[in-house]
Amino acid sequence: YGYSPADDSSFANRIFDPAAVDDFYRA
């Protein structure tokens, strides 16, 4: 319906942290 804004909030951006790779890989 329209362009959607990127979620660049501080907590959401933790998905790009190096530690998030370990969490994702083990999940």
PDB file of all heavy atoms in Angstrom:
ATOM      1  N   TYR A   1       0.822  -1.209   0.000  1.00  0.00           N
ATOM      2  CA  TYR A   1       0.000   0.000   0.000  1.00  0.00           C
ATOM      3  C   TYR A   1       0.854   1.256   0.000  1.00  0.00           C
ATOM      4  O   TYR A   1       0.416   2.321  -0.370  1.00  0.00           O
ATOM      5  CB  TYR A   1      -0.949   0.008   1.202  1.00  0.00           C
ATOM      6  CG  TYR A   1      -2.208   0.772   0.916  1.00  0.00           C
ATOM      7  CD1 TYR A   1      -3.258   0.180   0.229  1.00  0.00           C
ATOM      8  CD2 TYR A   1      -2.340   2.101   1.299  1.00  0.00           C
ATOM      9  CE1 TYR A   1      -4.400   0.878  -0.061  1.00  0.00           C
ATOM     10  CE2 TYR A   1      -3.490   2.815   1.016  1.00  0.00           C
ATOM     11  CZ  TYR A   1      -4.513   2.201   0.326  1.00  0.00           C
ATOM     12  OH  TYR A   1      -5.646   2.909   0.018  1.00  0.00           O
ATOM     13  N   GLY A   2       2.076   1.118   0.417  1.00  0.00           N
ATOM     14  CA  GLY A   2       3.001   2.244   0.411  1.00  0.00           C
ATOM     15  C   GLY A   2       4.394   1.766   0.733  1.00  0.00           C
ATOM     16  O   GLY A   2       4.596   0.607   1.115  1.00  0.00           O
ATOM     17  N   TYR A   3       5.372   2.642   0.549  1.00  0.00           N
ATOM     18  CA  TYR A   3       6.736   2.297   0.957  1.00  0.00           C
ATOM     19  C   TYR A   3       6.765   2.092   2.468  1.00  0.00           C
ATOM     20  O   TYR A   3       6.200   2.874   3.234  1.00  0.00           O
ATOM     21  CB  TYR A   3       7.698   3.421   0.583  1.00  0.00           C
ATOM     22  CG  TYR A   3       7.876   3.629  -0.905  1.00  0.00           C
ATOM     23  CD1 TYR A   3       7.521   4.826  -1.506  1.00  0.00           C
ATOM     24  CD2 TYR A   3       8.432   2.639  -1.702  1.00  0.00           C
ATOM     25  CE1 TYR A   3       7.697   5.035  -2.873  1.00  0.00           C
ATOM     26  CE2 TYR A   3       8.613   2.824  -3.058  1.00  0.00           C
ATOM     27  CZ  TYR A   3       8.241   4.039  -3.649  1.00  0.00           C
ATOM     28  OH  TYR A   3       8.420   4.217  -4.985  1.00  0.00           O
ATOM     29  N   SER A   4       7.451   1.055   2.909  1.00  0.00           N
ATOM     30  CA  SER A   4       7.538   0.738   4.337  1.00  0.00           C
ATOM     31  C   SER A   4       8.897   1.162   4.871  1.00  0.00           C
ATOM     32  O   SER A   4       9.927   0.920   4.223  1.00  0.00           O
ATOM     33  CB  SER A   4       7.352  -0.758   4.574  1.00  0.00           C
ATOM     34  OG  SER A   4       6.087  -1.179   4.127  1.00  0.00           O
ATOM     35  N   PRO A   5       8.922   1.773   6.062  1.00  0.00           N
ATOM     36  CA  PRO A   5      10.207   2.221   6.620  1.00  0.00           C
ATOM     37  C   PRO A   5      11.042   1.065   7.149  1.00  0.00           C
ATOM     38  O   PRO A   5      10.510   0.060   7.635  1.00  0.00           O
ATOM     39  CB  PRO A   5       9.792   3.156   7.756  1.00  0.00           C
ATOM     40  CG  PRO A   5       8.439   2.670   8.165  1.00  0.00           C
ATOM     41  CD  PRO A   5       7.784   2.146   6.912  1.00  0.00           C
ATOM     42  N   ALA A   6      12.353   1.216   7.036  1.00  0.00           N
ATOM     43  CA  ALA A   6      13.269   0.225   7.596  1.00  0.00           C
ATOM     44  C   ALA A   6      13.277   0.338   9.113  1.00  0.00           C
ATOM     45  O   ALA A   6      13.256   1.437   9.668  1.00  0.00           O
ATOM     46  CB  ALA A   6      14.672   0.450   7.046  1.00  0.00           C
ATOM     47  N   ASP A   7      13.300  -0.804   9.777  1.00  0.00           N
ATOM     48  CA  ASP A   7      13.420  -0.819  11.234  1.00  0.00           C
ATOM     49  C   ASP A   7      14.905  -0.763  11.587  1.00  0.00           C
ATOM     50  O   ASP A   7      15.610  -1.766  11.523  1.00  0.00           O
ATOM     51  CB  ASP A   7      12.791  -2.085  11.804  1.00  0.00           C
ATOM     52  CG  ASP A   7      12.811  -2.104  13.329  1.00  0.00           C
ATOM     53  OD1 ASP A   7      13.359  -1.157  13.933  1.00  0.00           O
ATOM     54  OD2 ASP A   7      12.278  -3.071  13.910  1.00  0.00           O
ATOM     55  N   ASP A   8      15.370   0.432  11.934  1.00  0.00           N
ATOM     56  CA  ASP A   8      16.774   0.583  12.317  1.00  0.00           C
ATOM     57  C   ASP A   8      16.906   0.934  13.794  1.00  0.00           C
ATOM     58  O   ASP A   8      17.876   1.554  14.227  1.00  0.00           O
ATOM     59  CB  ASP A   8      17.470   1.644  11.455  1.00  0.00           C
ATOM     60  CG  ASP A   8      16.829   3.022  11.599  1.00  0.00           C
ATOM     61  OD1 ASP A   8      15.772   3.122  12.259  1.00  0.00           O
ATOM     62  OD2 ASP A   8      17.394   3.993  11.048  1.00  0.00           O
ATOM     63  N   SER A   9      15.932   0.510  14.577  1.00  0.00           N
ATOM     64  CA  SER A   9      15.985   0.771  16.016  1.00  0.00           C
ATOM     65  C   SER A   9      17.121  -0.023  16.644  1.00  0.00           C
ATOM     66  O   SER A   9      17.556  -1.059  16.121  1.00  0.00           O
ATOM     67  CB  SER A   9      14.652   0.404  16.674  1.00  0.00           C
ATOM     68  OG  SER A   9      14.345  -0.958  16.458  1.00  0.00           O
ATOM     69  N   SER A  10      17.592   0.437  17.768  1.00  0.00           N
ATOM     70  CA  SER A  10      18.796  -0.122  18.379  1.00  0.00           C
ATOM     71  C   SER A  10      18.643  -1.596  18.734  1.00  0.00           C
ATOM     72  O   SER A  10      19.552  -2.400  18.510  1.00  0.00           O
ATOM     73  CB  SER A  10      19.160   0.676  19.631  1.00  0.00           C
ATOM     74  OG  SER A  10      19.423   2.024  19.300  1.00  0.00           O
ATOM     75  N   PHE A  11      17.496  -1.975  19.286  1.00  0.00           N
ATOM     76  CA  PHE A  11      17.317  -3.366  19.681  1.00  0.00           C
ATOM     77  C   PHE A  11      17.185  -4.268  18.458  1.00  0.00           C
ATOM     78  O   PHE A  11      17.770  -5.351  18.412  1.00  0.00           O
ATOM     79  CB  PHE A  11      16.095  -3.518  20.591  1.00  0.00           C
ATOM     80  CG  PHE A  11      16.319  -2.971  21.983  1.00  0.00           C
ATOM     81  CD1 PHE A  11      15.617  -1.865  22.430  1.00  0.00           C
ATOM     82  CD2 PHE A  11      17.229  -3.572  22.840  1.00  0.00           C
ATOM     83  CE1 PHE A  11      15.819  -1.360  23.698  1.00  0.00           C
ATOM     84  CE2 PHE A  11      17.449  -3.073  24.115  1.00  0.00           C
ATOM     85  CZ  PHE A  11      16.734  -1.961  24.548  1.00  0.00           C
ATOM     86  N   ALA A  12      16.419  -3.822  17.462  1.00  0.00           N
ATOM     87  CA  ALA A  12      16.259  -4.638  16.252  1.00  0.00           C
ATOM     88  C   ALA A  12      17.589  -4.812  15.533  1.00  0.00           C
ATOM     89  O   ALA A  12      17.861  -5.873  14.944  1.00  0.00           O
ATOM     90  CB  ALA A  12      15.232  -3.997  15.320  1.00  0.00           C
ATOM     91  N   ASN A  13      18.434  -3.799  15.588  1.00  0.00           N
ATOM     92  CA  ASN A  13      19.724  -3.868  14.900  1.00  0.00           C
ATOM     93  C   ASN A  13      20.662  -4.915  15.501  1.00  0.00           C
ATOM     94  O   ASN A  13      21.685  -5.246  14.900  1.00  0.00           O
ATOM     95  CB  ASN A  13      20.408  -2.497  14.915  1.00  0.00           C
ATOM     96  CG  ASN A  13      20.041  -1.684  13.688  1.00  0.00           C
ATOM     97  OD1 ASN A  13      19.491  -2.195  12.725  1.00  0.00           O
ATOM     98  ND2 ASN A  13      20.349  -0.401  13.732  1.00  0.00           N
ATOM     99  N   ARG A  14      20.312  -5.435  16.663  1.00  0.00           N
ATOM    100  CA  ARG A  14      21.137  -6.493  17.244  1.00  0.00           C
ATOM    101  C   ARG A  14      21.125  -7.764  16.387  1.00  0.00           C
ATOM    102  O   ARG A  14      21.981  -8.627  16.561  1.00  0.00           O
ATOM    103  CB  ARG A  14      20.654  -6.815  18.653  1.00  0.00           C
ATOM    104  CG  ARG A  14      21.022  -5.743  19.679  1.00  0.00           C
ATOM    105  CD  ARG A  14      20.538  -6.119  21.065  1.00  0.00           C
ATOM    106  NE  ARG A  14      21.059  -5.206  22.078  1.00  0.00           N
ATOM    107  CZ  ARG A  14      20.737  -5.259  23.371  1.00  0.00           C
ATOM    108  NH1 ARG A  14      19.895  -6.199  23.797  1.00  0.00           N
ATOM    109  NH2 ARG A  14      21.243  -4.403  24.233  1.00  0.00           N
ATOM    110  N   ILE A  15      20.181  -7.867  15.473  1.00  0.00           N
ATOM    111  CA  ILE A  15      20.151  -9.033  14.582  1.00  0.00           C
ATOM    112  C   ILE A  15      21.379  -9.046  13.679  1.00  0.00           C
ATOM    113  O   ILE A  15      21.734 -10.074  13.111  1.00  0.00           O
ATOM    114  CB  ILE A  15      18.856  -9.036  13.733  1.00  0.00           C
ATOM    115  CG1 ILE A  15      18.625 -10.409  13.086  1.00  0.00           C
ATOM    116  CG2 ILE A  15      18.880  -7.952  12.671  1.00  0.00           C
ATOM    117  CD1 ILE A  15      18.325 -11.508  14.048  1.00  0.00           C
ATOM    118  N   PHE A  16      22.068  -7.882  13.551  1.00  0.00           N
ATOM    119  CA  PHE A  16      23.274  -7.795  12.736  1.00  0.00           C
ATOM    120  C   PHE A  16      24.553  -7.978  13.562  1.00  0.00           C
ATOM    121  O   PHE A  16      25.652  -7.919  13.006  1.00  0.00           O
ATOM    122  CB  PHE A  16      23.340  -6.442  12.018  1.00  0.00           C
ATOM    123  CG  PHE A  16      22.162  -6.183  11.118  1.00  0.00           C
ATOM    124  CD1 PHE A  16      21.211  -5.240  11.458  1.00  0.00           C
ATOM    125  CD2 PHE A  16      22.001  -6.890   9.938  1.00  0.00           C
ATOM    126  CE1 PHE A  16      20.120  -4.996  10.633  1.00  0.00           C
ATOM    127  CE2 PHE A  16      20.919  -6.661   9.109  1.00  0.00           C
ATOM    128  CZ  PHE A  16      19.969  -5.712   9.454  1.00  0.00           C
ATOM    129  N   ASP A  17      24.429  -8.174  14.864  1.00  0.00           N
ATOM    130  CA  ASP A  17      25.603  -8.339  15.712  1.00  0.00           C
ATOM    131  C   ASP A  17      26.310  -9.663  15.416  1.00  0.00           C
ATOM    132  O   ASP A  17      25.654 -10.662  15.072  1.00  0.00           O
ATOM    133  CB  ASP A  17      25.205  -8.313  17.193  1.00  0.00           C
ATOM    134  CG  ASP A  17      24.762  -6.945  17.663  1.00  0.00           C
ATOM    135  OD1 ASP A  17      24.843  -5.986  16.869  1.00  0.00           O
ATOM    136  OD2 ASP A  17      24.322  -6.843  18.822  1.00  0.00           O
ATOM    137  N   PRO A  18      27.626  -9.711  15.594  1.00  0.00           N
ATOM    138  CA  PRO A  18      28.328 -10.987  15.431  1.00  0.00           C
ATOM    139  C   PRO A  18      27.769 -12.090  16.328  1.00  0.00           C
ATOM    140  O   PRO A  18      27.681 -13.247  15.914  1.00  0.00           O
ATOM    141  CB  PRO A  18      29.769 -10.632  15.807  1.00  0.00           C
ATOM    142  CG  PRO A  18      29.901  -9.179  15.487  1.00  0.00           C
ATOM    143  CD  PRO A  18      28.560  -8.584  15.817  1.00  0.00           C
ATOM    144  N   ALA A  19      27.366 -11.735  17.546  1.00  0.00           N
ATOM    145  CA  ALA A  19      26.822 -12.746  18.466  1.00  0.00           C
ATOM    146  C   ALA A  19      25.516 -13.333  17.951  1.00  0.00           C
ATOM    147  O   ALA A  19      25.183 -14.489  18.262  1.00  0.00           O
ATOM    148  CB  ALA A  19      26.603 -12.134  19.844  1.00  0.00           C
ATOM    149  N   ALA A  20      24.780 -12.562  17.153  1.00  0.00           N
ATOM    150  CA  ALA A  20      23.513 -13.059  16.620  1.00  0.00           C
ATOM    151  C   ALA A  20      23.731 -14.219  15.654  1.00  0.00           C
ATOM    152  O   ALA A  20      22.837 -15.048  15.465  1.00  0.00           O
ATOM    153  CB  ALA A  20      22.760 -11.929  15.923  1.00  0.00           C
ATOM    154  N   VAL A  21      24.905 -14.281  15.031  1.00  0.00           N
ATOM    155  CA  VAL A  21      25.207 -15.397  14.132  1.00  0.00           C
ATOM    156  C   VAL A  21      25.240 -16.704  14.917  1.00  0.00           C
ATOM    157  O   VAL A  21      24.704 -17.728  14.482  1.00  0.00           O
ATOM    158  CB  VAL A  21      26.550 -15.166  13.402  1.00  0.00           C
ATOM    159  CG1 VAL A  21      26.891 -16.371  12.527  1.00  0.00           C
ATOM    160  CG2 VAL A  21      26.483 -13.904  12.560  1.00  0.00           C
ATOM    161  N   ASP A  22      25.863 -16.680  16.106  1.00  0.00           N
ATOM    162  CA  ASP A  22      25.887 -17.883  16.944  1.00  0.00           C
ATOM    163  C   ASP A  22      24.473 -18.293  17.351  1.00  0.00           C
ATOM    164  O   ASP A  22      24.108 -19.472  17.292  1.00  0.00           O
ATOM    165  CB  ASP A  22      26.721 -17.639  18.202  1.00  0.00           C
ATOM    166  CG  ASP A  22      28.204 -17.533  17.905  1.00  0.00           C
ATOM    167  OD1 ASP A  22      28.710 -18.357  17.127  1.00  0.00           O
ATOM    168  OD2 ASP A  22      28.844 -16.614  18.430  1.00  0.00           O
ATOM    169  N   ASP A  23      23.668 -17.319  17.769  1.00  0.00           N
ATOM    170  CA  ASP A  23      22.295 -17.622  18.181  1.00  0.00           C
ATOM    171  C   ASP A  23      21.515 -18.241  17.027  1.00  0.00           C
ATOM    172  O   ASP A  23      20.795 -19.226  17.212  1.00  0.00           O
ATOM    173  CB  ASP A  23      21.591 -16.351  18.655  1.00  0.00           C
ATOM    174  CG  ASP A  23      22.230 -15.771  19.914  1.00  0.00           C
ATOM    175  OD1 ASP A  23      22.857 -16.539  20.665  1.00  0.00           O
ATOM    176  OD2 ASP A  23      22.104 -14.549  20.124  1.00  0.00           O
ATOM    177  N   PHE A  24      21.657 -17.659  15.852  1.00  0.00           N
ATOM    178  CA  PHE A  24      20.912 -18.144  14.691  1.00  0.00           C
ATOM    179  C   PHE A  24      21.381 -19.540  14.299  1.00  0.00           C
ATOM    180  O   PHE A  24      20.572 -20.431  14.032  1.00  0.00           O
ATOM    181  CB  PHE A  24      21.086 -17.176  13.523  1.00  0.00           C
ATOM    182  CG  PHE A  24      20.163 -17.440  12.356  1.00  0.00           C
ATOM    183  CD1 PHE A  24      18.945 -16.803  12.265  1.00  0.00           C
ATOM    184  CD2 PHE A  24      20.516 -18.347  11.369  1.00  0.00           C
ATOM    185  CE1 PHE A  24      18.090 -17.042  11.199  1.00  0.00           C
ATOM    186  CE2 PHE A  24      19.668 -18.599  10.289  1.00  0.00           C
ATOM    187  CZ  PHE A  24      18.455 -17.938  10.211  1.00  0.00           C
ATOM    188  N   TYR A  25      22.694 -19.737  14.286  1.00  0.00           N
ATOM    189  CA  TYR A  25      23.234 -21.023  13.836  1.00  0.00           C
ATOM    190  C   TYR A  25      22.766 -22.168  14.726  1.00  0.00           C
ATOM    191  O   TYR A  25      22.469 -23.267  14.246  1.00  0.00           O
ATOM    192  CB  TYR A  25      24.765 -20.968  13.804  1.00  0.00           C
ATOM    193  CG  TYR A  25      25.377 -22.179  13.129  1.00  0.00           C
ATOM    194  CD1 TYR A  25      25.512 -22.220  11.746  1.00  0.00           C
ATOM    195  CD2 TYR A  25      25.797 -23.276  13.869  1.00  0.00           C
ATOM    196  CE1 TYR A  25      26.041 -23.341  11.119  1.00  0.00           C
ATOM    197  CE2 TYR A  25      26.322 -24.399  13.253  1.00  0.00           C
ATOM    198  CZ  TYR A  25      26.457 -24.417  11.874  1.00  0.00           C
ATOM    199  OH  TYR A  25      26.970 -25.524  11.255  1.00  0.00           O
ATOM    200  N   ARG A  26      22.689 -21.914  16.024  1.00  0.00           N
ATOM    201  CA  ARG A  26      22.310 -22.972  16.979  1.00  0.00           C
ATOM    202  C   ARG A  26      20.805 -23.213  17.016  1.00  0.00           C
ATOM    203  O   ARG A  26      20.355 -24.240  17.531  1.00  0.00           O
ATOM    204  CB  ARG A  26      22.805 -22.620  18.378  1.00  0.00           C
ATOM    205  CG  ARG A  26      24.311 -22.655  18.548  1.00  0.00           C
ATOM    206  CD  ARG A  26      24.680 -22.584  20.023  1.00  0.00           C
ATOM    207  NE  ARG A  26      24.254 -21.320  20.616  1.00  0.00           N
ATOM    208  CZ  ARG A  26      25.071 -20.293  20.858  1.00  0.00           C
ATOM    209  NH1 ARG A  26      26.364 -20.392  20.548  1.00  0.00           N
ATOM    210  NH2 ARG A  26      24.624 -19.192  21.405  1.00  0.00           N
ATOM    211  N   ALA A  27      20.028 -22.275  16.516  1.00  0.00           N
ATOM    212  CA  ALA A  27      18.570 -22.342  16.671  1.00  0.00           C
ATOM    213  C   ALA A  27      17.956 -23.451  15.805  1.00  0.00           C
ATOM    214  O   ALA A  27      18.470 -23.766  14.727  1.00  0.00           O
ATOM    215  CB  ALA A  27      17.948 -21.004  16.306  1.00  0.00           C
TER     216      ALA A  27
END
